[in-house]
Amino acid sequence: MLKLINTKILLAILAALTALGGAVAYQRHEAEKAAAAAAKAAAILERQQRDAEEQRKQNEAFRQQVEQDKKRHNSAAAKEGKTWKTYLP
């Protein structure tokens, strides 16, 4: 009778240890999934920041080009008035 009780206790302990082992394995798996998701999110954020910086540089270059074109256009218009005033037919 005592042997049967010891066997049942040992089986209960074994079942509890198996459940704990499964829980630890599941927790480790979930932690790995979370780490992978965090790494993916970090990569996406870095790519977005790089794209935003590149877009900012392109916008700045475009603004500078527009300003240069304005200056060129304005200077040509200013000189045009002088040429017609000195024109003698």
PDB file of N, CA and C in Angstrom:
ATOM      1  N   MET A   1       0.812  -1.185   0.000  1.00  0.00           N
ATOM      2  CA  MET A   1       0.000   0.000   0.000  1.00  0.00           C
ATOM      3  C   MET A   1       0.860   1.254   0.000  1.00  0.00           C
ATOM      4  N   LEU A   2       1.911   1.260   0.822  1.00  0.00           N
ATOM      5  CA  LEU A   2       2.803   2.412   0.881  1.00  0.00           C
ATOM      6  C   LEU A   2       3.526   2.607  -0.439  1.00  0.00           C
ATOM      7  N   LYS A   3       3.872   1.488  -1.072  1.00  0.00           N
ATOM      8  CA  LYS A   3       4.550   1.577  -2.364  1.00  0.00           C
ATOM      9  C   LYS A   3       3.627   2.209  -3.404  1.00  0.00           C
ATOM     10  N   LEU A   4       2.355   1.877  -3.379  1.00  0.00           N
ATOM     11  CA  LEU A   4       1.389   2.432  -4.315  1.00  0.00           C
ATOM     12  C   LEU A   4       1.228   3.935  -4.085  1.00  0.00           C
ATOM     13  N   ILE A   5       1.186   4.369  -2.842  1.00  0.00           N
ATOM     14  CA  ILE A   5       1.074   5.802  -2.533  1.00  0.00           C
ATOM     15  C   ILE A   5       2.333   6.542  -2.993  1.00  0.00           C
ATOM     16  N   ASN A   6       3.510   5.954  -2.745  1.00  0.00           N
ATOM     17  CA  ASN A   6       4.762   6.562  -3.202  1.00  0.00           C
ATOM     18  C   ASN A   6       4.788   6.688  -4.723  1.00  0.00           C
ATOM     19  N   THR A   7       4.299   5.690  -5.416  1.00  0.00           N
ATOM     20  CA  THR A   7       4.263   5.718  -6.877  1.00  0.00           C
ATOM     21  C   THR A   7       3.340   6.832  -7.365  1.00  0.00           C
ATOM     22  N   LYS A   8       2.167   6.962  -6.733  1.00  0.00           N
ATOM     23  CA  LYS A   8       1.235   8.025  -7.124  1.00  0.00           C
ATOM     24  C   LYS A   8       1.848   9.402  -6.856  1.00  0.00           C
ATOM     25  N   ILE A   9       2.512   9.551  -5.728  1.00  0.00           N
ATOM     26  CA  ILE A   9       3.161  10.829  -5.406  1.00  0.00           C
ATOM     27  C   ILE A   9       4.257  11.129  -6.430  1.00  0.00           C
ATOM     28  N   LEU A  10       5.043  10.115  -6.759  1.00  0.00           N
ATOM     29  CA  LEU A  10       6.097  10.313  -7.751  1.00  0.00           C
ATOM     30  C   LEU A  10       5.521  10.674  -9.119  1.00  0.00           C
ATOM     31  N   LEU A  11       4.423  10.055  -9.487  1.00  0.00           N
ATOM     32  CA  LEU A  11       3.777  10.384 -10.765  1.00  0.00           C
ATOM     33  C   LEU A  11       3.228  11.812 -10.746  1.00  0.00           C
ATOM     34  N   ALA A  12       2.675  12.233  -9.620  1.00  0.00           N
ATOM     35  CA  ALA A  12       2.166  13.604  -9.500  1.00  0.00           C
ATOM     36  C   ALA A  12       3.323  14.598  -9.594  1.00  0.00           C
ATOM     37  N   ILE A  13       4.447  14.275  -8.924  1.00  0.00           N
ATOM     38  CA  ILE A  13       5.621  15.154  -8.999  1.00  0.00           C
ATOM     39  C   ILE A  13       6.140  15.210 -10.434  1.00  0.00           C
ATOM     40  N   LEU A  14       6.189  14.060 -11.098  1.00  0.00           N
ATOM     41  CA  LEU A  14       6.640  14.011 -12.486  1.00  0.00           C
ATOM     42  C   LEU A  14       5.721  14.823 -13.394  1.00  0.00           C
ATOM     43  N   ALA A  15       4.419  14.757 -13.187  1.00  0.00           N
ATOM     44  CA  ALA A  15       3.465  15.529 -13.977  1.00  0.00           C
ATOM     45  C   ALA A  15       3.647  17.021 -13.729  1.00  0.00           C
ATOM     46  N   ALA A  16       3.878  17.395 -12.473  1.00  0.00           N
ATOM     47  CA  ALA A  16       4.090  18.802 -12.148  1.00  0.00           C
ATOM     48  C   ALA A  16       5.379  19.309 -12.796  1.00  0.00           C
ATOM     49  N   LEU A  17       6.440  18.510 -12.734  1.00  0.00           N
ATOM     50  CA  LEU A  17       7.695  18.905 -13.374  1.00  0.00           C
ATOM     51  C   LEU A  17       7.547  19.009 -14.886  1.00  0.00           C
ATOM     52  N   THR A  18       6.789  18.133 -15.493  1.00  0.00           N
ATOM     53  CA  THR A  18       6.546  18.188 -16.936  1.00  0.00           C
ATOM     54  C   THR A  18       5.784  19.457 -17.302  1.00  0.00           C
ATOM     55  N   ALA A  19       4.784  19.787 -16.483  1.00  0.00           N
ATOM     56  CA  ALA A  19       4.019  21.010 -16.732  1.00  0.00           C
ATOM     57  C   ALA A  19       4.916  22.241 -16.589  1.00  0.00           C
ATOM     58  N   LEU A  20       5.772  22.254 -15.569  1.00  0.00           N
ATOM     59  CA  LEU A  20       6.703  23.365 -15.397  1.00  0.00           C
ATOM     60  C   LEU A  20       7.676  23.457 -16.571  1.00  0.00           C
ATOM     61  N   GLY A  21       8.177  22.333 -17.012  1.00  0.00           N
ATOM     62  CA  GLY A  21       9.094  22.326 -18.160  1.00  0.00           C
ATOM     63  C   GLY A  21       8.415  22.855 -19.412  1.00  0.00           C
ATOM     64  N   GLY A  22       7.158  22.450 -19.618  1.00  0.00           N
ATOM     65  CA  GLY A  22       6.404  22.962 -20.766  1.00  0.00           C
ATOM     66  C   GLY A  22       6.176  24.463 -20.671  1.00  0.00           C
ATOM     67  N   ALA A  23       5.873  24.934 -19.478  1.00  0.00           N
ATOM     68  CA  ALA A  23       5.656  26.370 -19.286  1.00  0.00           C
ATOM     69  C   ALA A  23       6.937  27.151 -19.545  1.00  0.00           C
ATOM     70  N   VAL A  24       8.071  26.622 -19.095  1.00  0.00           N
ATOM     71  CA  VAL A  24       9.354  27.296 -19.324  1.00  0.00           C
ATOM     72  C   VAL A  24       9.678  27.323 -20.810  1.00  0.00           C
ATOM     73  N   ALA A  25       9.455  26.202 -21.494  1.00  0.00           N
ATOM     74  CA  ALA A  25       9.714  26.147 -22.934  1.00  0.00           C
ATOM     75  C   ALA A  25       8.811  27.125 -23.684  1.00  0.00           C
ATOM     76  N   TYR A  26       7.545  27.205 -23.300  1.00  0.00           N
ATOM     77  CA  TYR A  26       6.608  28.135 -23.940  1.00  0.00           C
ATOM     78  C   TYR A  26       7.035  29.577 -23.699  1.00  0.00           C
ATOM     79  N   GLN A  27       7.456  29.870 -22.477  1.00  0.00           N
ATOM     80  CA  GLN A  27       7.890  31.220 -22.134  1.00  0.00           C
ATOM     81  C   GLN A  27       9.130  31.606 -22.941  1.00  0.00           C
ATOM     82  N   ARG A  28      10.047  30.680 -23.089  1.00  0.00           N
ATOM     83  CA  ARG A  28      11.253  30.946 -23.872  1.00  0.00           C
ATOM     84  C   ARG A  28      10.895  31.206 -25.333  1.00  0.00           C
ATOM     85  N   HIS A  29       9.975  30.408 -25.850  1.00  0.00           N
ATOM     86  CA  HIS A  29       9.540  30.584 -27.239  1.00  0.00           C
ATOM     87  C   HIS A  29       8.880  31.942 -27.433  1.00  0.00           C
ATOM     88  N   GLU A  30       8.028  32.338 -26.497  1.00  0.00           N
ATOM     89  CA  GLU A  30       7.365  33.642 -26.593  1.00  0.00           C
ATOM     90  C   GLU A  30       8.376  34.783 -26.483  1.00  0.00           C
ATOM     91  N   ALA A  31       9.383  34.629 -25.634  1.00  0.00           N
ATOM     92  CA  ALA A  31      10.412  35.651 -25.495  1.00  0.00           C
ATOM     93  C   ALA A  31      11.207  35.789 -26.793  1.00  0.00           C
ATOM     94  N   GLU A  32      11.496  34.668 -27.441  1.00  0.00           N
ATOM     95  CA  GLU A  32      12.204  34.719 -28.724  1.00  0.00           C
ATOM     96  C   GLU A  32      11.354  35.401 -29.792  1.00  0.00           C
ATOM     97  N   LYS A  33      10.049  35.118 -29.798  1.00  0.00           N
ATOM     98  CA  LYS A  33       9.160  35.775 -30.760  1.00  0.00           C
ATOM     99  C   LYS A  33       9.106  37.274 -30.512  1.00  0.00           C
ATOM    100  N   ALA A  34       9.056  37.670 -29.240  1.00  0.00           N
ATOM    101  CA  ALA A  34       9.014  39.092 -28.903  1.00  0.00           C
ATOM    102  C   ALA A  34      10.316  39.778 -29.305  1.00  0.00           C
ATOM    103  N   ALA A  35      11.432  39.104 -29.099  1.00  0.00           N
ATOM    104  CA  ALA A  35      12.728  39.682 -29.479  1.00  0.00           C
ATOM    105  C   ALA A  35      12.813  39.845 -30.995  1.00  0.00           C
ATOM    106  N   ALA A  36      12.322  38.857 -31.734  1.00  0.00           N
ATOM    107  CA  ALA A  36      12.331  38.950 -33.193  1.00  0.00           C
ATOM    108  C   ALA A  36      11.436  40.090 -33.668  1.00  0.00           C
ATOM    109  N   ALA A  37      10.277  40.248 -33.043  1.00  0.00           N
ATOM    110  CA  ALA A  37       9.367  41.338 -33.416  1.00  0.00           C
ATOM    111  C   ALA A  37       9.995  42.689 -33.100  1.00  0.00           C
ATOM    112  N   ALA A  38      10.686  42.786 -31.977  1.00  0.00           N
ATOM    113  CA  ALA A  38      11.346  44.042 -31.611  1.00  0.00           C
ATOM    114  C   ALA A  38      12.462  44.379 -32.591  1.00  0.00           C
ATOM    115  N   ALA A  39      13.208  43.370 -33.005  1.00  0.00           N
ATOM    116  CA  ALA A  39      14.283  43.600 -33.973  1.00  0.00           C
ATOM    117  C   ALA A  39      13.707  44.045 -35.316  1.00  0.00           C
ATOM    118  N   LYS A  40      12.604  43.443 -35.707  1.00  0.00           N
ATOM    119  CA  LYS A  40      11.966  43.819 -36.970  1.00  0.00           C
ATOM    120  C   LYS A  40      11.438  45.252 -36.901  1.00  0.00           C
ATOM    121  N   ALA A  41      10.835  45.606 -35.770  1.00  0.00           N
ATOM    122  CA  ALA A  41      10.328  46.967 -35.595  1.00  0.00           C
ATOM    123  C   ALA A  41      11.469  47.979 -35.608  1.00  0.00           C
ATOM    124  N   ALA A  42      12.590  47.629 -34.997  1.00  0.00           N
ATOM    125  CA  ALA A  42      13.747  48.525 -34.990  1.00  0.00           C
ATOM    126  C   ALA A  42      14.285  48.717 -36.402  1.00  0.00           C
ATOM    127  N   ALA A  43      14.316  47.648 -37.189  1.00  0.00           N
ATOM    128  CA  ALA A  43      14.788  47.753 -38.570  1.00  0.00           C
ATOM    129  C   ALA A  43      13.853  48.630 -39.403  1.00  0.00           C
ATOM    130  N   ILE A  44      12.559  48.476 -39.199  1.00  0.00           N
ATOM    131  CA  ILE A  44      11.585  49.292 -39.929  1.00  0.00           C
ATOM    132  C   ILE A  44      11.728  50.753 -39.541  1.00  0.00           C
ATOM    133  N   LEU A  45      11.876  51.017 -38.248  1.00  0.00           N
ATOM    134  CA  LEU A  45      12.044  52.396 -37.778  1.00  0.00           C
ATOM    135  C   LEU A  45      13.308  53.018 -38.361  1.00  0.00           C
ATOM    136  N   GLU A  46      14.391  52.262 -38.362  1.00  0.00           N
ATOM    137  CA  GLU A  46      15.651  52.772 -38.915  1.00  0.00           C
ATOM    138  C   GLU A  46      15.499  53.087 -40.407  1.00  0.00           C
ATOM    139  N   ARG A  47      14.821  52.206 -41.148  1.00  0.00           N
ATOM    140  CA  ARG A  47      14.610  52.444 -42.578  1.00  0.00           C
ATOM    141  C   ARG A  47      13.741  53.680 -42.797  1.00  0.00           C
ATOM    142  N   GLN A  48      12.711  53.850 -41.971  1.00  0.00           N
ATOM    143  CA  GLN A  48      11.851  55.026 -42.099  1.00  0.00           C
ATOM    144  C   GLN A  48      12.618  56.307 -41.801  1.00  0.00           C
ATOM    145  N   GLN A  49      13.470  56.267 -40.791  1.00  0.00           N
ATOM    146  CA  GLN A  49      14.270  57.447 -40.461  1.00  0.00           C
ATOM    147  C   GLN A  49      15.245  57.771 -41.588  1.00  0.00           C
ATOM    148  N   ARG A  50      15.847  56.745 -42.162  1.00  0.00           N
ATOM    149  CA  ARG A  50      16.769  56.956 -43.273  1.00  0.00           C
ATOM    150  C   ARG A  50      16.032  57.535 -44.479  1.00  0.00           C
ATOM    151  N   ASP A  51      14.848  57.007 -44.765  1.00  0.00           N
ATOM    152  CA  ASP A  51      14.044  57.531 -45.873  1.00  0.00           C
ATOM    153  C   ASP A  51      13.624  58.973 -45.623  1.00  0.00           C
ATOM    154  N   ALA A  52      13.253  59.283 -44.397  1.00  0.00           N
ATOM    155  CA  ALA A  52      12.845  60.649 -44.064  1.00  0.00           C
ATOM    156  C   ALA A  52      14.021  61.611 -44.215  1.00  0.00           C
ATOM    157  N   GLU A  53      15.191  61.202 -43.797  1.00  0.00           N
ATOM    158  CA  GLU A  53      16.387  62.048 -43.937  1.00  0.00           C
ATOM    159  C   GLU A  53      16.718  62.273 -45.407  1.00  0.00           C
ATOM    160  N   GLU A  54      16.608  61.212 -46.199  1.00  0.00           N
ATOM    161  CA  GLU A  54      16.871  61.337 -47.641  1.00  0.00           C
ATOM    162  C   GLU A  54      15.856  62.276 -48.292  1.00  0.00           C
ATOM    163  N   GLN A  55      14.602  62.158 -47.900  1.00  0.00           N
ATOM    164  CA  GLN A  55      13.556  63.028 -48.440  1.00  0.00           C
ATOM    165  C   GLN A  55      13.802  64.473 -48.035  1.00  0.00           C
ATOM    166  N   ARG A  56      14.247  64.687 -46.799  1.00  0.00           N
ATOM    167  CA  ARG A  56      14.545  66.040 -46.337  1.00  0.00           C
ATOM    168  C   ARG A  56      15.680  66.648 -47.157  1.00  0.00           C
ATOM    169  N   LYS A  57      16.716  65.856 -47.436  1.00  0.00           N
ATOM    170  CA  LYS A  57      17.830  66.346 -48.245  1.00  0.00           C
ATOM    171  C   LYS A  57      17.373  66.685 -49.662  1.00  0.00           C
ATOM    172  N   GLN A  58      16.535  65.843 -50.242  1.00  0.00           N
ATOM    173  CA  GLN A  58      16.024  66.113 -51.588  1.00  0.00           C
ATOM    174  C   GLN A  58      15.176  67.382 -51.596  1.00  0.00           C
ATOM    175  N   ASN A  59      14.348  67.557 -50.578  1.00  0.00           N
ATOM    176  CA  ASN A  59      13.528  68.766 -50.490  1.00  0.00           C
ATOM    177  C   ASN A  59      14.394  70.009 -50.368  1.00  0.00           C
ATOM    178  N   GLU A  60      15.436  69.920 -49.559  1.00  0.00           N
ATOM    179  CA  GLU A  60      16.332  71.068 -49.381  1.00  0.00           C
ATOM    180  C   GLU A  60      17.041  71.392 -50.693  1.00  0.00           C
ATOM    181  N   ALA A  61      17.503  70.375 -51.399  1.00  0.00           N
ATOM    182  CA  ALA A  61      18.166  70.602 -52.682  1.00  0.00           C
ATOM    183  C   ALA A  61      17.187  71.233 -53.678  1.00  0.00           C
ATOM    184  N   PHE A  62      15.954  70.772 -53.672  1.00  0.00           N
ATOM    185  CA  PHE A  62      14.944  71.338 -54.570  1.00  0.00           C
ATOM    186  C   PHE A  62      14.667  72.806 -54.225  1.00  0.00           C
ATOM    187  N   ARG A  63      14.564  73.113 -52.930  1.00  0.00           N
ATOM    188  CA  ARG A  63      14.337  74.504 -52.515  1.00  0.00           C
ATOM    189  C   ARG A  63      15.485  75.403 -52.957  1.00  0.00           C
ATOM    190  N   GLN A  64      16.701  74.912 -52.801  1.00  0.00           N
ATOM    191  CA  GLN A  64      17.850  75.700 -53.222  1.00  0.00           C
ATOM    192  C   GLN A  64      17.839  75.928 -54.727  1.00  0.00           C
ATOM    193  N   GLN A  65      17.456  74.898 -55.474  1.00  0.00           N
ATOM    194  CA  GLN A  65      17.385  75.030 -56.929  1.00  0.00           C
ATOM    195  C   GLN A  65      16.315  76.052 -57.310  1.00  0.00           C
ATOM    196  N   VAL A  66      15.184  76.028 -56.632  1.00  0.00           N
ATOM    197  CA  VAL A  66      14.118  76.985 -56.909  1.00  0.00           C
ATOM    198  C   VAL A  66      14.591  78.399 -56.603  1.00  0.00           C
ATOM    199  N   GLU A  67      15.300  78.562 -55.482  1.00  0.00           N
ATOM    200  CA  GLU A  67      15.820  79.891 -55.136  1.00  0.00           C
ATOM    201  C   GLU A  67      16.813  80.376 -56.186  1.00  0.00           C
ATOM    202  N   GLN A  68      17.668  79.510 -56.659  1.00  0.00           N
ATOM    203  CA  GLN A  68      18.627  79.896 -57.700  1.00  0.00           C
ATOM    204  C   GLN A  68      17.902  80.275 -58.984  1.00  0.00           C
ATOM    205  N   ASP A  69      16.875  79.508 -59.331  1.00  0.00           N
ATOM    206  CA  ASP A  69      16.107  79.823 -60.533  1.00  0.00           C
ATOM    207  C   ASP A  69      15.398  81.162 -60.389  1.00  0.00           C
ATOM    208  N   LYS A  70      14.890  81.457 -59.201  1.00  0.00           N
ATOM    209  CA  LYS A  70      14.238  82.744 -58.967  1.00  0.00           C
ATOM    210  C   LYS A  70      15.230  83.883 -59.161  1.00  0.00           C
ATOM    211  N   LYS A  71      16.427  83.714 -58.602  1.00  0.00           N
ATOM    212  CA  LYS A  71      17.441  84.761 -58.722  1.00  0.00           C
ATOM    213  C   LYS A  71      17.818  84.962 -60.182  1.00  0.00           C
ATOM    214  N   ARG A  72      17.985  83.888 -60.917  1.00  0.00           N
ATOM    215  CA  ARG A  72      18.323  83.988 -62.337  1.00  0.00           C
ATOM    216  C   ARG A  72      17.214  84.677 -63.107  1.00  0.00           C
ATOM    217  N   HIS A  73      15.997  84.291 -62.832  1.00  0.00           N
ATOM    218  CA  HIS A  73      14.849  84.859 -63.536  1.00  0.00           C
ATOM    219  C   HIS A  73      14.692  86.342 -63.211  1.00  0.00           C
ATOM    220  N   ASN A  74      14.829  86.692 -61.955  1.00  0.00           N
ATOM    221  CA  ASN A  74      14.687  88.086 -61.551  1.00  0.00           C
ATOM    222  C   ASN A  74      15.795  88.956 -62.141  1.00  0.00           C
ATOM    223  N   SER A  75      17.009  88.455 -62.191  1.00  0.00           N
ATOM    224  CA  SER A  75      18.107  89.269 -62.721  1.00  0.00           C
ATOM    225  C   SER A  75      17.927  89.488 -64.214  1.00  0.00           C
ATOM    226  N   ALA A  76      17.428  88.502 -64.937  1.00  0.00           N
ATOM    227  CA  ALA A  76      17.205  88.678 -66.367  1.00  0.00           C
ATOM    228  C   ALA A  76      16.106  89.705 -66.607  1.00  0.00           C
ATOM    229  N   ALA A  77      15.083  89.687 -65.800  1.00  0.00           N
ATOM    230  CA  ALA A  77      13.989  90.643 -65.962  1.00  0.00           C
ATOM    231  C   ALA A  77      14.465  92.053 -65.640  1.00  0.00           C
ATOM    232  N   ALA A  78      15.340  92.195 -64.690  1.00  0.00           N
ATOM    233  CA  ALA A  78      15.847  93.521 -64.329  1.00  0.00           C
ATOM    234  C   ALA A  78      16.686  94.094 -65.463  1.00  0.00           C
ATOM    235  N   LYS A  79      17.450  93.273 -66.130  1.00  0.00           N
ATOM    236  CA  LYS A  79      18.295  93.748 -67.224  1.00  0.00           C
ATOM    237  C   LYS A  79      17.477  94.029 -68.474  1.00  0.00           C
ATOM    238  N   GLU A  80      16.377  93.358 -68.617  1.00  0.00           N
ATOM    239  CA  GLU A  80      15.563  93.526 -69.823  1.00  0.00           C
ATOM    240  C   GLU A  80      15.037  94.948 -69.936  1.00  0.00           C
ATOM    241  N   GLY A  81      14.621  95.526 -68.834  1.00  0.00           N
ATOM    242  CA  GLY A  81      14.109  96.895 -68.858  1.00  0.00           C
ATOM    243  C   GLY A  81      15.166  97.880 -69.330  1.00  0.00           C
ATOM    244  N   LYS A  82      16.398  97.682 -68.959  1.00  0.00           N
ATOM    245  CA  LYS A  82      17.475  98.585 -69.345  1.00  0.00           C
ATOM    246  C   LYS A  82      17.751  98.481 -70.844  1.00  0.00           C
ATOM    247  N   THR A  83      17.659  97.296 -71.402  1.00  0.00           N
ATOM    248  CA  THR A  83      17.966  97.160 -72.833  1.00  0.00           C
ATOM    249  C   THR A  83      16.939  97.871 -73.683  1.00  0.00           C
ATOM    250  N   TRP A  84      15.696  97.872 -73.289  1.00  0.00           N
ATOM    251  CA  TRP A  84      14.672  98.543 -74.088  1.00  0.00           C
ATOM    252  C   TRP A  84      14.748 100.065 -73.940  1.00  0.00           C
ATOM    253  N   LYS A  85      15.255 100.529 -72.850  1.00  0.00           N
ATOM    254  CA  LYS A  85      15.382 101.984 -72.683  1.00  0.00           C
ATOM    255  C   LYS A  85      16.495 102.541 -73.557  1.00  0.00           C
ATOM    256  N   THR A  86      17.518 101.780 -73.771  1.00  0.00           N
ATOM    257  CA  THR A  86      18.647 102.264 -74.573  1.00  0.00           C
ATOM    258  C   THR A  86      18.540 101.888 -76.025  1.00  0.00           C
ATOM    259  N   TYR A  87      17.465 101.271 -76.402  1.00  0.00           N
ATOM    260  CA  TYR A  87      17.302 100.836 -77.786  1.00  0.00           C
ATOM    261  C   TYR A  87      17.011 102.042 -78.672  1.00  0.00           C
ATOM    262  N   LEU A  88      17.781 102.182 -79.708  1.00  0.00           N
ATOM    263  CA  LEU A  88      17.554 103.251 -80.663  1.00  0.00           C
ATOM    264  C   LEU A  88      17.291 102.638 -82.034  1.00  0.00           C
ATOM    265  N   PRO A  89      16.170 102.901 -82.614  1.00  0.00           N
ATOM    266  CA  PRO A  89      15.875 102.294 -83.929  1.00  0.00           C
ATOM    267  C   PRO A  89      16.634 102.980 -85.053  1.00  0.00           C
TER     268      PRO A  89
END
